[in-house]
Amino acid sequence: MYPSSASFTQLTTYFIDMAYRGASARERFAASVFLIRNQIGLPAATLATEAGISPNTLYLIEKSQINVHIDTLCKVAKALRTDPCAFFSNGNHPAPTAARLNNLRRLVGENIRAARQSRNVSQAQLTRELGLPLGYLGRIERTAPNVRLDTLEKIARELGLRFEALFADTNVSPSHDTQGEHQDIIRIRSTTNARHPARNSTENKQANARPEHRRRRSSKEKIAIVRESFTPGKTVLVVARNHDVNPNQVFRWRKLYRDGLLAEQQSGEQLVPASELANALNEIDRLKQLLEGKSTAQTGETAVVKRSRSKK
């Protein structure tokens, strides 16, 4: 997976190239553990012992063949004296304290909830888009279960966050190189707080208020936005933000589109209310029944006339 015989500088360059080519969180964690362990000259067996994991588990981690939990990440971070954010970014991070590692689950849950609320997306909608079990996202935000990296990466991607921002702690003063992920969470939390009157003054609420009136979009525009949200690599949150649309509205349009109820209106056509359309369909059914009844009666009368004529 990595260059077999290379200096730490070469290994670092390899890791940076890996990040630029869109490596997954699991691959970045594997590369970071390998690089940091080699930088400090720590044998794999020693690291496994200090982290309280088996040598085979560490081997699978460094080969990115295992989807680790947050607790396992914390064990490795403690043994390497490395902040969790440092596994996924190139910035300078201070060594983690025991309190930070112990509270990492709770912090991840709070960051996910803050990011979701700032984008005005419900738990049910995000759960449906991610394909997670019903209620699992709520557990992540409330009780902070031992989530795996792949699940966290899916959540970060859907929310439009950098993965390391999920582990960022706004109570820690960031260095110049790591201000990006901290700014992500600070911005998200400030936006979230703006939606709760008890947390902000009247001036802050007015500054963060959204415009009351939004322009109405035609069916053609709605369909274009929905189709863009189905494009590989695009998410509903990103598309909604690009078009200045509420994500909940895009979710609703997607459902109508799937049900065939979001049709493109041709030029010159007039829209008919659904109630009038239903009444018209009922009237058509009634007329069809009347015509069928008359047709049956006429057929019966013709048969009687033919029989009477044949008798004469």
C-alpha atoms as a PDB file:
ATOM      1  CA  MET A   1       0.000   0.000   0.000  1.00  0.00           C
ATOM      2  CA  TYR A   2       2.846   2.424   0.878  1.00  0.00           C
ATOM      3  CA  PRO A   3       6.378   2.881  -0.463  1.00  0.00           C
ATOM      4  CA  SER A   4       8.387   0.081   1.187  1.00  0.00           C
ATOM      5  CA  SER A   5      11.650   1.966   1.675  1.00  0.00           C
ATOM      6  CA  ALA A   6      11.250   5.720   1.772  1.00  0.00           C
ATOM      7  CA  SER A   7      12.101   8.681   3.951  1.00  0.00           C
ATOM      8  CA  PHE A   8       9.448  10.332   6.086  1.00  0.00           C
ATOM      9  CA  THR A   9       9.383  13.290   3.674  1.00  0.00           C
ATOM     10  CA  GLN A  10       8.579  10.923   0.816  1.00  0.00           C
ATOM     11  CA  LEU A  11       5.911   9.237   2.892  1.00  0.00           C
ATOM     12  CA  THR A  12       4.397  12.603   3.780  1.00  0.00           C
ATOM     13  CA  THR A  13       4.303  13.563   0.106  1.00  0.00           C
ATOM     14  CA  TYR A  14       2.613  10.238  -0.604  1.00  0.00           C
ATOM     15  CA  PHE A  15      -0.033  10.986   2.031  1.00  0.00           C
ATOM     16  CA  ILE A  16      -0.674  14.490   0.672  1.00  0.00           C
ATOM     17  CA  ASP A  17      -1.083  13.097  -2.837  1.00  0.00           C
ATOM     18  CA  MET A  18      -3.466  10.555  -1.379  1.00  0.00           C
ATOM     19  CA  ALA A  19      -5.613  13.289   0.155  1.00  0.00           C
ATOM     20  CA  TYR A  20      -5.691  15.293  -3.072  1.00  0.00           C
ATOM     21  CA  ARG A  21      -6.857  12.318  -5.127  1.00  0.00           C
ATOM     22  CA  GLY A  22      -9.913  11.954  -2.908  1.00  0.00           C
ATOM     23  CA  ALA A  23      -8.878   9.096  -0.643  1.00  0.00           C
ATOM     24  CA  SER A  24     -11.545   7.858   1.752  1.00  0.00           C
ATOM     25  CA  ALA A  25     -11.449   8.554   5.484  1.00  0.00           C
ATOM     26  CA  ARG A  26     -10.463   4.944   6.093  1.00  0.00           C
ATOM     27  CA  GLU A  27      -7.506   5.248   3.691  1.00  0.00           C
ATOM     28  CA  ARG A  28      -6.371   8.555   5.174  1.00  0.00           C
ATOM     29  CA  PHE A  29      -6.522   7.120   8.692  1.00  0.00           C
ATOM     30  CA  ALA A  30      -4.503   4.089   7.561  1.00  0.00           C
ATOM     31  CA  ALA A  31      -1.850   6.262   5.903  1.00  0.00           C
ATOM     32  CA  SER A  32      -1.621   8.595   8.910  1.00  0.00           C
ATOM     33  CA  VAL A  33      -1.159   5.788  11.436  1.00  0.00           C
ATOM     34  CA  PHE A  34       1.546   4.243   9.280  1.00  0.00           C
ATOM     35  CA  LEU A  35       3.375   7.535   8.710  1.00  0.00           C
ATOM     36  CA  ILE A  36       3.234   8.737  12.318  1.00  0.00           C
ATOM     37  CA  ARG A  37       4.325   5.364  13.665  1.00  0.00           C
ATOM     38  CA  ASN A  38       7.323   5.324  11.307  1.00  0.00           C
ATOM     39  CA  GLN A  39       8.172   8.946  12.088  1.00  0.00           C
ATOM     40  CA  ILE A  40       8.560   8.254  15.810  1.00  0.00           C
ATOM     41  CA  GLY A  41      10.156   4.845  15.196  1.00  0.00           C
ATOM     42  CA  LEU A  42       7.459   2.897  17.022  1.00  0.00           C
ATOM     43  CA  PRO A  43       7.229  -0.823  16.134  1.00  0.00           C
ATOM     44  CA  ALA A  44       3.797  -2.100  15.164  1.00  0.00           C
ATOM     45  CA  ALA A  45       3.735  -4.587  18.030  1.00  0.00           C
ATOM     46  CA  THR A  46       4.478  -1.852  20.581  1.00  0.00           C
ATOM     47  CA  LEU A  47       1.768   0.420  19.181  1.00  0.00           C
ATOM     48  CA  ALA A  48      -0.757  -2.425  19.258  1.00  0.00           C
ATOM     49  CA  THR A  49       0.097  -3.128  22.905  1.00  0.00           C
ATOM     50  CA  GLU A  50      -0.113   0.527  23.983  1.00  0.00           C
ATOM     51  CA  ALA A  51      -3.395   1.006  22.099  1.00  0.00           C
ATOM     52  CA  GLY A  52      -4.899  -2.149  23.561  1.00  0.00           C
ATOM     53  CA  ILE A  53      -5.629  -3.729  20.181  1.00  0.00           C
ATOM     54  CA  SER A  54      -4.334  -6.893  18.563  1.00  0.00           C
ATOM     55  CA  PRO A  55      -1.373  -6.743  16.132  1.00  0.00           C
ATOM     56  CA  ASN A  56      -3.663  -8.171  13.433  1.00  0.00           C
ATOM     57  CA  THR A  57      -6.147  -5.314  13.959  1.00  0.00           C
ATOM     58  CA  LEU A  58      -3.350  -2.765  13.586  1.00  0.00           C
ATOM     59  CA  TYR A  59      -2.135  -4.537  10.446  1.00  0.00           C
ATOM     60  CA  LEU A  60      -5.641  -4.328   8.959  1.00  0.00           C
ATOM     61  CA  ILE A  61      -5.904  -0.661   9.971  1.00  0.00           C
ATOM     62  CA  GLU A  62      -2.682   0.256   8.160  1.00  0.00           C
ATOM     63  CA  LYS A  63      -3.885  -1.659   5.095  1.00  0.00           C
ATOM     64  CA  SER A  64      -7.240   0.215   5.254  1.00  0.00           C
ATOM     65  CA  GLN A  65      -8.999  -3.151   5.343  1.00  0.00           C
ATOM     66  CA  ILE A  66     -10.980  -2.531   8.516  1.00  0.00           C
ATOM     67  CA  ASN A  67     -13.730  -0.030   9.256  1.00  0.00           C
ATOM     68  CA  VAL A  68     -12.761   1.153  12.746  1.00  0.00           C
ATOM     69  CA  HIS A  69     -15.008   2.586  15.450  1.00  0.00           C
ATOM     70  CA  ILE A  70     -14.483   5.954  17.132  1.00  0.00           C
ATOM     71  CA  ASP A  71     -13.258   4.180  20.279  1.00  0.00           C
ATOM     72  CA  THR A  72     -10.544   2.357  18.318  1.00  0.00           C
ATOM     73  CA  LEU A  73      -9.508   5.653  16.721  1.00  0.00           C
ATOM     74  CA  CYS A  74      -9.229   7.188  20.205  1.00  0.00           C
ATOM     75  CA  LYS A  75      -7.075   4.295  21.440  1.00  0.00           C
ATOM     76  CA  VAL A  76      -4.662   4.716  18.533  1.00  0.00           C
ATOM     77  CA  ALA A  77      -4.673   8.507  18.957  1.00  0.00           C
ATOM     78  CA  LYS A  78      -3.823   8.160  22.650  1.00  0.00           C
ATOM     79  CA  ALA A  79      -0.990   5.695  21.961  1.00  0.00           C
ATOM     80  CA  LEU A  80       0.473   7.930  19.214  1.00  0.00           C
ATOM     81  CA  ARG A  81      -0.230  11.130  21.218  1.00  0.00           C
ATOM     82  CA  THR A  82      -1.942  12.504  18.128  1.00  0.00           C
ATOM     83  CA  ASP A  83      -5.140  14.524  17.898  1.00  0.00           C
ATOM     84  CA  PRO A  84      -7.927  12.751  15.911  1.00  0.00           C
ATOM     85  CA  CYS A  85      -8.106  15.687  13.464  1.00  0.00           C
ATOM     86  CA  ALA A  86      -4.441  15.136  12.564  1.00  0.00           C
ATOM     87  CA  PHE A  87      -5.276  11.738  11.062  1.00  0.00           C
ATOM     88  CA  PHE A  88      -7.345  13.432   8.347  1.00  0.00           C
ATOM     89  CA  SER A  89      -5.617  16.783   7.742  1.00  0.00           C
ATOM     90  CA  ASN A  90      -2.096  18.134   7.368  1.00  0.00           C
ATOM     91  CA  GLY A  91      -2.350  20.875  10.002  1.00  0.00           C
ATOM     92  CA  ASN A  92      -0.456  21.141  13.288  1.00  0.00           C
ATOM     93  CA  HIS A  93      -2.666  19.905  16.119  1.00  0.00           C
ATOM     94  CA  PRO A  94      -1.812  19.855  19.816  1.00  0.00           C
ATOM     95  CA  ALA A  95      -1.587  16.507  21.580  1.00  0.00           C
ATOM     96  CA  PRO A  96      -5.034  15.440  22.770  1.00  0.00           C
ATOM     97  CA  THR A  97      -5.975  15.471  26.415  1.00  0.00           C
ATOM     98  CA  ALA A  98      -7.667  12.545  28.105  1.00  0.00           C
ATOM     99  CA  ALA A  99     -10.854  14.607  28.462  1.00  0.00           C
ATOM    100  CA  ARG A 100     -10.955  15.358  24.722  1.00  0.00           C
ATOM    101  CA  LEU A 101     -10.620  11.694  23.769  1.00  0.00           C
ATOM    102  CA  ASN A 102     -13.168  10.624  26.379  1.00  0.00           C
ATOM    103  CA  ASN A 103     -15.695  13.163  25.073  1.00  0.00           C
ATOM    104  CA  LEU A 104     -15.012  12.606  21.366  1.00  0.00           C
ATOM    105  CA  ARG A 105     -18.221  10.634  20.780  1.00  0.00           C
ATOM    106  CA  ARG A 106     -20.334  13.390  22.312  1.00  0.00           C
ATOM    107  CA  LEU A 107     -18.455  16.050  20.340  1.00  0.00           C
ATOM    108  CA  VAL A 108     -19.017  14.234  17.041  1.00  0.00           C
ATOM    109  CA  GLY A 109     -22.742  13.955  17.782  1.00  0.00           C
ATOM    110  CA  GLU A 110     -22.981  17.671  18.624  1.00  0.00           C
ATOM    111  CA  ASN A 111     -21.117  18.669  15.450  1.00  0.00           C
ATOM    112  CA  ILE A 112     -23.405  16.512  13.293  1.00  0.00           C
ATOM    113  CA  ARG A 113     -26.521  17.962  14.900  1.00  0.00           C
ATOM    114  CA  ALA A 114     -25.218  21.528  14.506  1.00  0.00           C
ATOM    115  CA  ALA A 115     -24.399  20.978  10.828  1.00  0.00           C
ATOM    116  CA  ARG A 116     -27.771  19.359  10.114  1.00  0.00           C
ATOM    117  CA  GLN A 117     -29.774  22.064  11.869  1.00  0.00           C
ATOM    118  CA  SER A 118     -27.811  24.859  10.182  1.00  0.00           C
ATOM    119  CA  ARG A 119     -28.874  23.385   6.826  1.00  0.00           C
ATOM    120  CA  ASN A 120     -32.492  23.079   7.983  1.00  0.00           C
ATOM    121  CA  VAL A 121     -32.671  19.325   7.338  1.00  0.00           C
ATOM    122  CA  SER A 122     -34.655  16.961   9.576  1.00  0.00           C
ATOM    123  CA  GLN A 123     -33.290  13.738  10.990  1.00  0.00           C
ATOM    124  CA  ALA A 124     -35.811  11.716   8.984  1.00  0.00           C
ATOM    125  CA  GLN A 125     -34.761  13.305   5.686  1.00  0.00           C
ATOM    126  CA  LEU A 126     -31.043  12.846   6.307  1.00  0.00           C
ATOM    127  CA  THR A 127     -31.609   9.272   7.494  1.00  0.00           C
ATOM    128  CA  ARG A 128     -33.527   8.491   4.303  1.00  0.00           C
ATOM    129  CA  GLU A 129     -30.842   9.986   2.066  1.00  0.00           C
ATOM    130  CA  LEU A 130     -28.057   8.093   3.859  1.00  0.00           C
ATOM    131  CA  GLY A 131     -29.944   4.807   3.998  1.00  0.00           C
ATOM    132  CA  LEU A 132     -29.381   4.482   7.754  1.00  0.00           C
ATOM    133  CA  PRO A 133     -31.615   2.438  10.083  1.00  0.00           C
ATOM    134  CA  LEU A 134     -34.615   4.343  11.407  1.00  0.00           C
ATOM    135  CA  GLY A 135     -33.682   6.317  14.541  1.00  0.00           C
ATOM    136  CA  TYR A 136     -29.942   5.656  14.227  1.00  0.00           C
ATOM    137  CA  LEU A 137     -29.068   9.253  13.375  1.00  0.00           C
ATOM    138  CA  GLY A 138     -30.966  10.446  16.435  1.00  0.00           C
ATOM    139  CA  ARG A 139     -28.920   8.059  18.572  1.00  0.00           C
ATOM    140  CA  ILE A 140     -25.705   9.423  17.052  1.00  0.00           C
ATOM    141  CA  GLU A 141     -26.696  12.992  17.927  1.00  0.00           C
ATOM    142  CA  ARG A 142     -28.067  12.219  21.404  1.00  0.00           C
ATOM    143  CA  THR A 143     -26.240   9.270  22.925  1.00  0.00           C
ATOM    144  CA  ALA A 144     -23.156   9.206  20.645  1.00  0.00           C
ATOM    145  CA  PRO A 145     -22.828   5.468  19.941  1.00  0.00           C
ATOM    146  CA  ASN A 146     -19.555   3.904  18.810  1.00  0.00           C
ATOM    147  CA  VAL A 147     -19.913   4.855  15.119  1.00  0.00           C
ATOM    148  CA  ARG A 148     -17.631   3.578  12.369  1.00  0.00           C
ATOM    149  CA  LEU A 149     -15.569   5.794  10.057  1.00  0.00           C
ATOM    150  CA  ASP A 150     -17.461   4.849   6.885  1.00  0.00           C
ATOM    151  CA  THR A 151     -20.779   5.958   8.412  1.00  0.00           C
ATOM    152  CA  LEU A 152     -19.293   9.253   9.604  1.00  0.00           C
ATOM    153  CA  GLU A 153     -17.834   9.868   6.152  1.00  0.00           C
ATOM    154  CA  LYS A 154     -21.252   9.392   4.522  1.00  0.00           C
ATOM    155  CA  ILE A 155     -22.782  11.874   6.976  1.00  0.00           C
ATOM    156  CA  ALA A 156     -20.020  14.447   6.415  1.00  0.00           C
ATOM    157  CA  ARG A 157     -20.329  14.147   2.635  1.00  0.00           C
ATOM    158  CA  GLU A 158     -24.105  14.543   2.695  1.00  0.00           C
ATOM    159  CA  LEU A 159     -23.820  17.616   4.957  1.00  0.00           C
ATOM    160  CA  GLY A 160     -21.079  19.151   2.798  1.00  0.00           C
ATOM    161  CA  LEU A 161     -18.473  19.045   5.594  1.00  0.00           C
ATOM    162  CA  ARG A 162     -14.809  18.161   5.532  1.00  0.00           C
ATOM    163  CA  PHE A 163     -14.431  14.910   7.431  1.00  0.00           C
ATOM    164  CA  GLU A 164     -12.003  16.304  10.018  1.00  0.00           C
ATOM    165  CA  ALA A 165     -14.547  18.992  10.936  1.00  0.00           C
ATOM    166  CA  LEU A 166     -16.615  16.313  12.696  1.00  0.00           C
ATOM    167  CA  PHE A 167     -13.812  15.964  15.282  1.00  0.00           C
ATOM    168  CA  ALA A 168     -13.092  19.692  15.653  1.00  0.00           C
ATOM    169  CA  ASP A 169     -13.461  21.174  19.135  1.00  0.00           C
ATOM    170  CA  THR A 170     -14.239  24.896  19.209  1.00  0.00           C
ATOM    171  CA  ASN A 171     -12.951  25.076  22.811  1.00  0.00           C
ATOM    172  CA  VAL A 172      -9.404  24.335  21.606  1.00  0.00           C
ATOM    173  CA  SER A 173      -7.483  27.247  20.123  1.00  0.00           C
ATOM    174  CA  PRO A 174      -6.607  26.175  16.561  1.00  0.00           C
ATOM    175  CA  SER A 175      -3.266  26.783  14.930  1.00  0.00           C
ATOM    176  CA  HIS A 176      -2.964  28.713  11.661  1.00  0.00           C
ATOM    177  CA  ASP A 177      -2.938  25.479   9.656  1.00  0.00           C
ATOM    178  CA  THR A 178      -6.055  24.034  11.258  1.00  0.00           C
ATOM    179  CA  GLN A 179      -8.383  27.023  11.326  1.00  0.00           C
ATOM    180  CA  GLY A 180     -10.360  25.682   8.356  1.00  0.00           C
ATOM    181  CA  GLU A 181     -12.104  22.835  10.124  1.00  0.00           C
ATOM    182  CA  HIS A 182     -12.676  24.942  13.270  1.00  0.00           C
ATOM    183  CA  GLN A 183     -14.220  27.720  11.191  1.00  0.00           C
ATOM    184  CA  ASP A 184     -16.561  25.154   9.621  1.00  0.00           C
ATOM    185  CA  ILE A 185     -17.978  24.211  13.027  1.00  0.00           C
ATOM    186  CA  ILE A 186     -17.925  27.760  14.457  1.00  0.00           C
ATOM    187  CA  ARG A 187     -19.892  29.001  11.439  1.00  0.00           C
ATOM    188  CA  ILE A 188     -22.319  26.085  11.642  1.00  0.00           C
ATOM    189  CA  ARG A 189     -22.928  26.482  15.373  1.00  0.00           C
ATOM    190  CA  SER A 190     -23.429  30.226  15.104  1.00  0.00           C
ATOM    191  CA  THR A 191     -25.999  29.664  12.366  1.00  0.00           C
ATOM    192  CA  THR A 192     -27.716  27.012  14.476  1.00  0.00           C
ATOM    193  CA  ASN A 193     -27.839  29.268  17.521  1.00  0.00           C
ATOM    194  CA  ALA A 194     -29.423  31.979  15.398  1.00  0.00           C
ATOM    195  CA  ARG A 195     -32.463  29.723  15.026  1.00  0.00           C
ATOM    196  CA  HIS A 196     -33.007  29.539  18.817  1.00  0.00           C
ATOM    197  CA  PRO A 197     -34.296  32.831  20.295  1.00  0.00           C
ATOM    198  CA  ALA A 198     -33.130  31.966  23.805  1.00  0.00           C
ATOM    199  CA  ARG A 199     -29.507  31.900  22.695  1.00  0.00           C
ATOM    200  CA  ASN A 200     -29.282  35.185  20.818  1.00  0.00           C
ATOM    201  CA  SER A 201     -30.240  38.808  21.093  1.00  0.00           C
ATOM    202  CA  THR A 202     -32.826  40.475  18.893  1.00  0.00           C
ATOM    203  CA  GLU A 203     -30.085  42.059  16.770  1.00  0.00           C
ATOM    204  CA  ASN A 204     -28.482  38.695  15.991  1.00  0.00           C
ATOM    205  CA  LYS A 205     -31.827  37.164  15.109  1.00  0.00           C
ATOM    206  CA  GLN A 206     -32.598  40.011  12.714  1.00  0.00           C
ATOM    207  CA  ALA A 207     -29.167  39.741  11.107  1.00  0.00           C
ATOM    208  CA  ASN A 208     -29.579  36.023  10.515  1.00  0.00           C
ATOM    209  CA  ALA A 209     -33.222  36.190   9.455  1.00  0.00           C
ATOM    210  CA  ARG A 210     -34.057  34.834   6.040  1.00  0.00           C
ATOM    211  CA  PRO A 211     -36.129  36.820   3.546  1.00  0.00           C
ATOM    212  CA  GLU A 212     -39.831  36.180   3.988  1.00  0.00           C
ATOM    213  CA  HIS A 213     -40.652  36.020   0.289  1.00  0.00           C
ATOM    214  CA  ARG A 214     -38.947  33.679  -2.150  1.00  0.00           C
ATOM    215  CA  ARG A 215     -39.576  33.659  -5.842  1.00  0.00           C
ATOM    216  CA  ARG A 216     -41.890  30.996  -7.182  1.00  0.00           C
ATOM    217  CA  ARG A 217     -40.219  28.464  -9.447  1.00  0.00           C
ATOM    218  CA  SER A 218     -41.773  26.980 -12.542  1.00  0.00           C
ATOM    219  CA  SER A 219     -42.207  23.240 -13.019  1.00  0.00           C
ATOM    220  CA  LYS A 220     -39.347  23.301 -15.515  1.00  0.00           C
ATOM    221  CA  GLU A 221     -37.003  24.836 -12.921  1.00  0.00           C
ATOM    222  CA  LYS A 222     -38.114  22.359 -10.250  1.00  0.00           C
ATOM    223  CA  ILE A 223     -37.482  19.400 -12.548  1.00  0.00           C
ATOM    224  CA  ALA A 224     -34.039  20.753 -13.458  1.00  0.00           C
ATOM    225  CA  ILE A 225     -33.128  21.084  -9.761  1.00  0.00           C
ATOM    226  CA  VAL A 226     -34.440  17.585  -8.973  1.00  0.00           C
ATOM    227  CA  ARG A 227     -32.519  16.028 -11.850  1.00  0.00           C
ATOM    228  CA  GLU A 228     -29.362  17.813 -10.718  1.00  0.00           C
ATOM    229  CA  SER A 229     -29.816  16.367  -7.204  1.00  0.00           C
ATOM    230  CA  PHE A 230     -29.843  12.861  -8.710  1.00  0.00           C
ATOM    231  CA  THR A 231     -26.498  13.465 -10.453  1.00  0.00           C
ATOM    232  CA  PRO A 232     -23.707  11.221  -9.081  1.00  0.00           C
ATOM    233  CA  GLY A 233     -21.503  13.157  -6.665  1.00  0.00           C
ATOM    234  CA  LYS A 234     -24.205  15.748  -5.911  1.00  0.00           C
ATOM    235  CA  THR A 235     -26.245  15.903  -2.699  1.00  0.00           C
ATOM    236  CA  VAL A 236     -29.574  17.545  -1.961  1.00  0.00           C
ATOM    237  CA  LEU A 237     -27.932  19.944   0.484  1.00  0.00           C
ATOM    238  CA  VAL A 238     -25.329  21.137  -2.014  1.00  0.00           C
ATOM    239  CA  VAL A 239     -27.854  21.530  -4.849  1.00  0.00           C
ATOM    240  CA  ALA A 240     -30.292  23.385  -2.576  1.00  0.00           C
ATOM    241  CA  ARG A 241     -27.548  25.749  -1.450  1.00  0.00           C
ATOM    242  CA  ASN A 242     -26.443  26.406  -5.046  1.00  0.00           C
ATOM    243  CA  HIS A 243     -29.985  27.349  -6.080  1.00  0.00           C
ATOM    244  CA  ASP A 244     -30.898  29.157  -2.839  1.00  0.00           C
ATOM    245  CA  VAL A 245     -33.700  26.684  -2.119  1.00  0.00           C
ATOM    246  CA  ASN A 246     -34.749  25.168   1.183  1.00  0.00           C
ATOM    247  CA  PRO A 247     -33.518  21.534   1.259  1.00  0.00           C
ATOM    248  CA  ASN A 248     -36.921  20.410   2.551  1.00  0.00           C
ATOM    249  CA  GLN A 249     -38.475  21.805  -0.622  1.00  0.00           C
ATOM    250  CA  VAL A 250     -36.042  19.838  -2.794  1.00  0.00           C
ATOM    251  CA  PHE A 251     -36.871  16.646  -0.892  1.00  0.00           C
ATOM    252  CA  ARG A 252     -40.575  17.303  -1.550  1.00  0.00           C
ATOM    253  CA  TRP A 253     -39.957  17.929  -5.268  1.00  0.00           C
ATOM    254  CA  ARG A 254     -37.978  14.686  -5.500  1.00  0.00           C
ATOM    255  CA  LYS A 255     -40.910  12.751  -4.035  1.00  0.00           C
ATOM    256  CA  LEU A 256     -43.363  14.375  -6.451  1.00  0.00           C
ATOM    257  CA  TYR A 257     -40.979  13.648  -9.317  1.00  0.00           C
ATOM    258  CA  ARG A 258     -40.736   9.962  -8.353  1.00  0.00           C
ATOM    259  CA  ASP A 259     -44.547   9.740  -8.129  1.00  0.00           C
ATOM    260  CA  GLY A 260     -44.936  11.352 -11.542  1.00  0.00           C
ATOM    261  CA  LEU A 261     -46.727  14.383 -10.077  1.00  0.00           C
ATOM    262  CA  LEU A 262     -44.100  16.933 -11.060  1.00  0.00           C
ATOM    263  CA  ALA A 263     -44.654  17.398 -14.798  1.00  0.00           C
ATOM    264  CA  GLU A 264     -43.201  20.091 -16.998  1.00  0.00           C
ATOM    265  CA  GLN A 265     -45.818  22.582 -18.177  1.00  0.00           C
ATOM    266  CA  GLN A 266     -45.795  23.349 -21.891  1.00  0.00           C
ATOM    267  CA  SER A 267     -46.041  26.921 -23.187  1.00  0.00           C
ATOM    268  CA  GLY A 268     -49.616  28.190 -23.397  1.00  0.00           C
ATOM    269  CA  GLU A 269     -50.997  25.500 -21.070  1.00  0.00           C
ATOM    270  CA  GLN A 270     -53.139  26.446 -18.099  1.00  0.00           C
ATOM    271  CA  LEU A 271     -52.935  24.785 -14.717  1.00  0.00           C
ATOM    272  CA  VAL A 272     -56.088  23.148 -13.348  1.00  0.00           C
ATOM    273  CA  PRO A 273     -56.609  22.748  -9.591  1.00  0.00           C
ATOM    274  CA  ALA A 274     -56.460  19.169  -8.375  1.00  0.00           C
ATOM    275  CA  SER A 275     -60.044  19.351  -7.018  1.00  0.00           C
ATOM    276  CA  GLU A 276     -61.407  20.374 -10.421  1.00  0.00           C
ATOM    277  CA  LEU A 277     -59.448  17.617 -12.115  1.00  0.00           C
ATOM    278  CA  ALA A 278     -60.845  15.034  -9.690  1.00  0.00           C
ATOM    279  CA  ASN A 279     -64.399  16.260 -10.294  1.00  0.00           C
ATOM    280  CA  ALA A 280     -63.872  16.108 -14.050  1.00  0.00           C
ATOM    281  CA  LEU A 281     -62.582  12.524 -13.856  1.00  0.00           C
ATOM    282  CA  ASN A 282     -65.580  11.499 -11.744  1.00  0.00           C
ATOM    283  CA  GLU A 283     -67.950  13.071 -14.271  1.00  0.00           C
ATOM    284  CA  ILE A 284     -66.221  11.210 -17.107  1.00  0.00           C
ATOM    285  CA  ASP A 285     -66.654   7.915 -15.245  1.00  0.00           C
ATOM    286  CA  ARG A 286     -70.354   8.659 -14.669  1.00  0.00           C
ATOM    287  CA  LEU A 287     -70.938   9.436 -18.335  1.00  0.00           C
ATOM    288  CA  LYS A 288     -69.137   6.261 -19.348  1.00  0.00           C
ATOM    289  CA  GLN A 289     -71.462   4.227 -17.118  1.00  0.00           C
ATOM    290  CA  LEU A 290     -74.514   5.931 -18.607  1.00  0.00           C
ATOM    291  CA  LEU A 291     -73.313   5.258 -22.145  1.00  0.00           C
ATOM    292  CA  GLU A 292     -72.594   1.642 -21.299  1.00  0.00           C
ATOM    293  CA  GLY A 293     -76.081   1.292 -19.773  1.00  0.00           C
ATOM    294  CA  LYS A 294     -77.762   2.828 -22.818  1.00  0.00           C
ATOM    295  CA  SER A 295     -75.733   0.645 -25.139  1.00  0.00           C
ATOM    296  CA  THR A 296     -76.834  -2.479 -23.239  1.00  0.00           C
ATOM    297  CA  ALA A 297     -80.484  -1.411 -23.330  1.00  0.00           C
ATOM    298  CA  GLN A 298     -80.345  -0.704 -27.071  1.00  0.00           C
ATOM    299  CA  THR A 299     -78.784  -4.109 -27.698  1.00  0.00           C
ATOM    300  CA  GLY A 300     -81.588  -5.780 -25.751  1.00  0.00           C
ATOM    301  CA  GLU A 301     -84.283  -3.884 -27.675  1.00  0.00           C
ATOM    302  CA  THR A 302     -82.731  -4.844 -31.023  1.00  0.00           C
ATOM    303  CA  ALA A 303     -82.721  -8.518 -30.046  1.00  0.00           C
ATOM    304  CA  VAL A 304     -86.437  -8.393 -29.103  1.00  0.00           C
ATOM    305  CA  VAL A 305     -87.354  -6.740 -32.429  1.00  0.00           C
ATOM    306  CA  LYS A 306     -85.456  -9.382 -34.393  1.00  0.00           C
ATOM    307  CA  ARG A 307     -87.191 -12.229 -32.546  1.00  0.00           C
ATOM    308  CA  SER A 308     -90.639 -10.711 -33.126  1.00  0.00           C
ATOM    309  CA  ARG A 309     -89.975 -10.275 -36.814  1.00  0.00           C
ATOM    310  CA  SER A 310     -88.782 -13.852 -37.165  1.00  0.00           C
ATOM    311  CA  LYS A 311     -92.027 -15.141 -35.618  1.00  0.00           C
ATOM    312  CA  LYS A 312     -94.100 -13.202 -38.169  1.00  0.00           C
END
